[in-house]
Amino acid sequence: QVHLVESGGGLVQPGGSLRLSCAASGSRFNIYPRGWYRQAPGKQRELVAIIGSAGSTNYADSVRDRFTISSNNAKNTVYLQMNSLKSEDTGVYYCKQGKSWGQGTQVTVSS
């Protein structure tokens, strides 16, 4: 069973940046695809960004050109660089690898 731990969330002003990390343990293998999801209050969880084993990426339209997903196989960690943050980016961000989910990290964008 893969264990995922997210970090890097917090409170940031609109226009600011945050970098989320998701470290995986419990597996000898690098599991793909790896994705970031988010859930805003009162809304369903949605896909934000996903990366495949060959480095291919895909983004939700709402974050394209602002967010960047990347992965480090040596550290078994996936990252989400979030720039030009907006209030609508507020929510709990979860990483997923295979069928495993992290516990989530809160991102709040507010002035």
N, C-alpha and C. Protein backbone atom coordinates (compact mmCIF):
# COMPACT_ATOMS: atom_id res chain seq x y z
N GLN A 1 0.84 -1.18 0.00
CA GLN A 1 0.00 0.00 0.00
C GLN A 1 0.89 1.25 0.00
N VAL A 2 0.67 2.11 -0.98
CA VAL A 2 1.44 3.34 -1.07
C VAL A 2 0.88 4.36 -0.10
N HIS A 3 1.76 5.00 0.63
CA HIS A 3 1.39 6.06 1.58
C HIS A 3 1.84 7.39 1.01
N LEU A 4 0.88 8.33 0.89
CA LEU A 4 1.17 9.64 0.30
C LEU A 4 1.00 10.73 1.34
N VAL A 5 1.95 11.65 1.37
CA VAL A 5 1.88 12.77 2.31
C VAL A 5 2.09 14.06 1.55
N GLU A 6 1.04 14.92 1.57
CA GLU A 6 1.14 16.22 0.92
C GLU A 6 1.66 17.27 1.90
N SER A 7 2.29 18.28 1.34
CA SER A 7 2.75 19.42 2.14
C SER A 7 2.83 20.65 1.25
N GLY A 8 2.96 21.82 1.89
CA GLY A 8 3.15 23.05 1.13
C GLY A 8 1.94 23.95 1.04
N GLY A 9 0.81 23.50 1.56
CA GLY A 9 -0.37 24.34 1.53
C GLY A 9 -0.26 25.50 2.51
N GLY A 10 -1.23 26.41 2.44
CA GLY A 10 -1.22 27.54 3.35
C GLY A 10 -2.10 28.65 2.86
N LEU A 11 -1.93 29.81 3.49
CA LEU A 11 -2.69 31.01 3.14
C LEU A 11 -1.81 31.90 2.28
N VAL A 12 -2.35 32.36 1.17
CA VAL A 12 -1.60 33.21 0.25
C VAL A 12 -2.54 34.26 -0.33
N GLN A 13 -2.00 35.42 -0.63
CA GLN A 13 -2.81 36.47 -1.22
C GLN A 13 -3.03 36.21 -2.71
N PRO A 14 -4.10 36.75 -3.26
CA PRO A 14 -4.32 36.62 -4.72
C PRO A 14 -3.11 37.13 -5.49
N GLY A 15 -2.74 36.38 -6.52
CA GLY A 15 -1.55 36.69 -7.29
C GLY A 15 -0.29 36.04 -6.79
N GLY A 16 -0.36 35.43 -5.62
CA GLY A 16 0.80 34.78 -5.03
C GLY A 16 1.04 33.39 -5.57
N SER A 17 2.05 32.73 -4.99
CA SER A 17 2.45 31.39 -5.44
C SER A 17 2.59 30.44 -4.26
N LEU A 18 2.39 29.18 -4.54
CA LEU A 18 2.65 28.11 -3.58
C LEU A 18 3.18 26.90 -4.36
N ARG A 19 3.96 26.08 -3.67
CA ARG A 19 4.44 24.84 -4.26
C ARG A 19 4.04 23.69 -3.35
N LEU A 20 3.22 22.80 -3.88
CA LEU A 20 2.79 21.62 -3.13
C LEU A 20 3.72 20.45 -3.46
N SER A 21 3.93 19.62 -2.46
CA SER A 21 4.72 18.40 -2.63
C SER A 21 3.91 17.21 -2.16
N CYS A 22 4.14 16.08 -2.78
CA CYS A 22 3.49 14.83 -2.37
C CYS A 22 4.54 13.73 -2.39
N ALA A 23 4.94 13.30 -1.21
CA ALA A 23 5.96 12.27 -1.09
C ALA A 23 5.31 10.91 -0.90
N ALA A 24 5.80 9.93 -1.67
CA ALA A 24 5.25 8.57 -1.61
C ALA A 24 6.21 7.64 -0.89
N SER A 25 5.65 6.71 -0.13
CA SER A 25 6.45 5.67 0.51
C SER A 25 5.67 4.38 0.50
N GLY A 26 6.36 3.27 0.72
CA GLY A 26 5.70 1.99 0.80
C GLY A 26 5.70 1.21 -0.49
N SER A 27 6.38 1.73 -1.51
CA SER A 27 6.44 1.02 -2.78
C SER A 27 7.85 1.12 -3.35
N ARG A 28 8.32 0.04 -3.92
CA ARG A 28 9.63 0.06 -4.57
C ARG A 28 9.57 0.69 -5.94
N PHE A 29 8.35 0.88 -6.43
CA PHE A 29 8.19 1.35 -7.79
C PHE A 29 7.62 2.76 -7.82
N ASN A 30 7.92 3.46 -8.89
CA ASN A 30 7.31 4.76 -9.12
C ASN A 30 5.99 4.53 -9.86
N ILE A 31 4.91 4.85 -9.19
CA ILE A 31 3.59 4.56 -9.73
C ILE A 31 3.08 5.76 -10.53
N TYR A 32 2.59 5.46 -11.72
CA TYR A 32 2.00 6.50 -12.58
C TYR A 32 0.64 6.01 -13.07
N PRO A 33 -0.25 6.94 -13.45
CA PRO A 33 -0.06 8.39 -13.44
C PRO A 33 -0.13 8.95 -12.02
N ARG A 34 0.37 10.17 -11.90
CA ARG A 34 0.31 10.90 -10.64
C ARG A 34 -0.51 12.18 -10.88
N GLY A 35 -1.40 12.43 -9.97
CA GLY A 35 -2.27 13.58 -10.19
C GLY A 35 -2.51 14.40 -8.95
N TRP A 36 -2.90 15.63 -9.19
CA TRP A 36 -3.36 16.53 -8.13
C TRP A 36 -4.83 16.83 -8.37
N TYR A 37 -5.60 16.74 -7.30
CA TYR A 37 -7.02 17.04 -7.33
C TYR A 37 -7.30 18.09 -6.26
N ARG A 38 -8.43 18.73 -6.36
CA ARG A 38 -8.81 19.68 -5.31
C ARG A 38 -10.31 19.61 -5.09
N GLN A 39 -10.70 19.99 -3.87
CA GLN A 39 -12.11 20.03 -3.52
C GLN A 39 -12.39 21.32 -2.78
N ALA A 40 -13.21 22.16 -3.39
CA ALA A 40 -13.63 23.41 -2.77
C ALA A 40 -14.85 23.14 -1.90
N PRO A 41 -15.10 23.98 -0.92
CA PRO A 41 -16.26 23.78 -0.04
C PRO A 41 -17.55 23.69 -0.85
N GLY A 42 -18.32 22.64 -0.60
CA GLY A 42 -19.60 22.47 -1.26
C GLY A 42 -19.52 21.98 -2.70
N LYS A 43 -18.31 21.65 -3.15
CA LYS A 43 -18.15 21.20 -4.53
C LYS A 43 -17.53 19.81 -4.57
N GLN A 44 -17.65 19.18 -5.73
CA GLN A 44 -17.05 17.86 -5.91
C GLN A 44 -15.54 17.97 -6.13
N ARG A 45 -14.85 16.91 -5.81
CA ARG A 45 -13.41 16.86 -6.07
C ARG A 45 -13.19 16.86 -7.58
N GLU A 46 -12.20 17.65 -8.03
CA GLU A 46 -11.93 17.77 -9.45
C GLU A 46 -10.45 17.58 -9.73
N LEU A 47 -10.17 17.10 -10.93
CA LEU A 47 -8.78 16.94 -11.35
C LEU A 47 -8.19 18.31 -11.67
N VAL A 48 -6.99 18.55 -11.15
CA VAL A 48 -6.27 19.79 -11.42
C VAL A 48 -5.19 19.57 -12.47
N ALA A 49 -4.36 18.54 -12.24
CA ALA A 49 -3.25 18.27 -13.15
C ALA A 49 -2.85 16.81 -13.01
N ILE A 50 -2.29 16.26 -14.08
CA ILE A 50 -1.88 14.86 -14.06
C ILE A 50 -0.62 14.71 -14.90
N ILE A 51 0.25 13.79 -14.48
CA ILE A 51 1.49 13.54 -15.21
C ILE A 51 1.68 12.05 -15.39
N GLY A 52 2.11 11.67 -16.61
CA GLY A 52 2.35 10.27 -16.91
C GLY A 52 3.81 9.91 -16.75
N SER A 53 4.11 8.63 -16.91
CA SER A 53 5.47 8.13 -16.69
C SER A 53 6.47 8.72 -17.68
N ALA A 54 6.01 9.07 -18.88
CA ALA A 54 6.89 9.65 -19.89
C ALA A 54 6.97 11.17 -19.79
N GLY A 55 6.30 11.72 -18.81
CA GLY A 55 6.35 13.16 -18.60
C GLY A 55 5.22 13.93 -19.25
N SER A 56 4.31 13.23 -19.89
CA SER A 56 3.17 13.94 -20.48
C SER A 56 2.30 14.51 -19.39
N THR A 57 1.74 15.68 -19.63
CA THR A 57 0.93 16.35 -18.62
C THR A 57 -0.41 16.79 -19.20
N ASN A 58 -1.35 16.98 -18.31
CA ASN A 58 -2.65 17.52 -18.69
C ASN A 58 -3.17 18.34 -17.53
N TYR A 59 -3.88 19.42 -17.85
CA TYR A 59 -4.34 20.36 -16.84
C TYR A 59 -5.81 20.68 -17.04
N ALA A 60 -6.47 21.01 -15.93
CA ALA A 60 -7.80 21.59 -16.01
C ALA A 60 -7.68 22.95 -16.71
N ASP A 61 -8.68 23.31 -17.48
CA ASP A 61 -8.64 24.58 -18.20
C ASP A 61 -8.46 25.76 -17.25
N SER A 62 -9.02 25.64 -16.06
CA SER A 62 -9.00 26.75 -15.11
C SER A 62 -7.60 27.05 -14.56
N VAL A 63 -6.67 26.09 -14.69
CA VAL A 63 -5.33 26.29 -14.12
C VAL A 63 -4.23 26.27 -15.18
N ARG A 64 -4.61 25.95 -16.41
CA ARG A 64 -3.60 25.88 -17.48
C ARG A 64 -2.87 27.20 -17.58
N ASP A 65 -1.59 27.16 -17.77
CA ASP A 65 -0.70 28.32 -17.89
C ASP A 65 -0.40 28.98 -16.56
N ARG A 66 -1.00 28.51 -15.46
CA ARG A 66 -0.69 29.03 -14.13
C ARG A 66 -0.04 27.98 -13.24
N PHE A 67 -0.45 26.72 -13.40
CA PHE A 67 0.05 25.63 -12.58
C PHE A 67 0.96 24.74 -13.41
N THR A 68 1.95 24.14 -12.74
CA THR A 68 2.85 23.20 -13.39
C THR A 68 3.03 21.98 -12.50
N ILE A 69 2.77 20.80 -13.07
CA ILE A 69 2.99 19.55 -12.34
C ILE A 69 4.32 18.97 -12.78
N SER A 70 5.06 18.42 -11.83
CA SER A 70 6.34 17.78 -12.16
C SER A 70 6.55 16.62 -11.20
N SER A 71 7.52 15.77 -11.54
CA SER A 71 7.73 14.57 -10.74
C SER A 71 9.21 14.26 -10.65
N ASN A 72 9.66 13.81 -9.50
CA ASN A 72 11.04 13.40 -9.29
C ASN A 72 11.04 11.94 -8.89
N ASN A 73 11.46 11.08 -9.80
CA ASN A 73 11.43 9.64 -9.53
C ASN A 73 12.40 9.25 -8.41
N ALA A 74 13.55 9.89 -8.37
CA ALA A 74 14.54 9.55 -7.35
C ALA A 74 14.00 9.81 -5.95
N LYS A 75 13.19 10.84 -5.81
CA LYS A 75 12.60 11.16 -4.50
C LYS A 75 11.19 10.62 -4.36
N ASN A 76 10.67 10.00 -5.42
CA ASN A 76 9.31 9.47 -5.44
C ASN A 76 8.33 10.54 -4.97
N THR A 77 8.47 11.71 -5.53
CA THR A 77 7.69 12.87 -5.12
C THR A 77 7.12 13.57 -6.35
N VAL A 78 5.90 14.03 -6.23
CA VAL A 78 5.27 14.82 -7.28
C VAL A 78 4.99 16.21 -6.72
N TYR A 79 5.14 17.21 -7.57
CA TYR A 79 5.01 18.60 -7.16
C TYR A 79 3.92 19.30 -7.97
N LEU A 80 3.39 20.36 -7.39
CA LEU A 80 2.47 21.23 -8.10
C LEU A 80 2.88 22.67 -7.80
N GLN A 81 3.45 23.34 -8.80
CA GLN A 81 3.80 24.75 -8.67
C GLN A 81 2.59 25.57 -9.10
N MET A 82 2.11 26.40 -8.18
CA MET A 82 0.90 27.18 -8.44
C MET A 82 1.25 28.67 -8.42
N ASN A 83 1.09 29.32 -9.55
CA ASN A 83 1.37 30.75 -9.68
C ASN A 83 0.09 31.51 -9.98
N SER A 84 0.16 32.82 -9.79
CA SER A 84 -0.99 33.70 -10.09
C SER A 84 -2.27 33.15 -9.46
N LEU A 85 -2.19 32.82 -8.20
CA LEU A 85 -3.32 32.18 -7.52
C LEU A 85 -4.51 33.12 -7.42
N LYS A 86 -5.69 32.52 -7.53
CA LYS A 86 -6.95 33.25 -7.45
C LYS A 86 -7.76 32.71 -6.29
N SER A 87 -8.76 33.49 -5.87
CA SER A 87 -9.59 33.05 -4.75
C SER A 87 -10.30 31.74 -5.08
N GLU A 88 -10.63 31.53 -6.34
CA GLU A 88 -11.31 30.30 -6.73
C GLU A 88 -10.41 29.08 -6.71
N ASP A 89 -9.13 29.26 -6.47
CA ASP A 89 -8.22 28.13 -6.30
C ASP A 89 -8.26 27.57 -4.87
N THR A 90 -8.98 28.23 -4.01
CA THR A 90 -9.08 27.79 -2.61
C THR A 90 -9.72 26.41 -2.52
N GLY A 91 -9.15 25.55 -1.70
CA GLY A 91 -9.70 24.23 -1.48
C GLY A 91 -8.69 23.32 -0.83
N VAL A 92 -9.09 22.08 -0.65
CA VAL A 92 -8.16 21.06 -0.16
C VAL A 92 -7.59 20.34 -1.38
N TYR A 93 -6.27 20.28 -1.43
CA TYR A 93 -5.57 19.66 -2.55
C TYR A 93 -5.09 18.28 -2.16
N TYR A 94 -5.40 17.31 -3.01
CA TYR A 94 -5.05 15.91 -2.76
C TYR A 94 -4.16 15.41 -3.89
N CYS A 95 -3.19 14.58 -3.55
CA CYS A 95 -2.45 13.90 -4.60
C CYS A 95 -2.94 12.45 -4.68
N LYS A 96 -2.75 11.88 -5.84
CA LYS A 96 -3.16 10.50 -6.09
C LYS A 96 -2.10 9.81 -6.93
N GLN A 97 -1.77 8.59 -6.53
CA GLN A 97 -0.89 7.73 -7.32
C GLN A 97 -1.54 6.36 -7.38
N GLY A 98 -1.84 5.92 -8.60
CA GLY A 98 -2.56 4.67 -8.74
C GLY A 98 -3.91 4.79 -8.06
N LYS A 99 -4.17 3.94 -7.07
CA LYS A 99 -5.43 3.98 -6.34
C LYS A 99 -5.30 4.63 -4.97
N SER A 100 -4.11 5.13 -4.65
CA SER A 100 -3.85 5.69 -3.33
C SER A 100 -4.03 7.20 -3.32
N TRP A 101 -4.62 7.71 -2.24
CA TRP A 101 -4.83 9.14 -2.05
C TRP A 101 -4.06 9.62 -0.83
N GLY A 102 -3.61 10.88 -0.91
CA GLY A 102 -3.06 11.51 0.28
C GLY A 102 -4.17 12.05 1.16
N GLN A 103 -3.76 12.64 2.30
CA GLN A 103 -4.75 13.13 3.25
C GLN A 103 -5.23 14.54 2.92
N GLY A 104 -4.54 15.22 2.03
CA GLY A 104 -4.94 16.55 1.60
C GLY A 104 -4.20 17.65 2.32
N THR A 105 -4.05 18.78 1.64
CA THR A 105 -3.45 19.96 2.23
C THR A 105 -4.29 21.18 1.83
N GLN A 106 -4.56 22.04 2.80
CA GLN A 106 -5.45 23.18 2.57
C GLN A 106 -4.70 24.31 1.88
N VAL A 107 -5.33 24.84 0.83
CA VAL A 107 -4.83 26.03 0.16
C VAL A 107 -5.93 27.10 0.24
N THR A 108 -5.58 28.24 0.81
CA THR A 108 -6.53 29.34 0.93
C THR A 108 -5.95 30.57 0.27
N VAL A 109 -6.67 31.10 -0.70
CA VAL A 109 -6.23 32.30 -1.41
C VAL A 109 -7.16 33.44 -1.02
N SER A 110 -6.63 34.37 -0.26
CA SER A 110 -7.47 35.43 0.28
C SER A 110 -6.61 36.63 0.64
N SER A 111 -7.20 37.81 0.51
CA SER A 111 -6.50 39.02 0.91
C SER A 111 -6.87 39.40 2.35
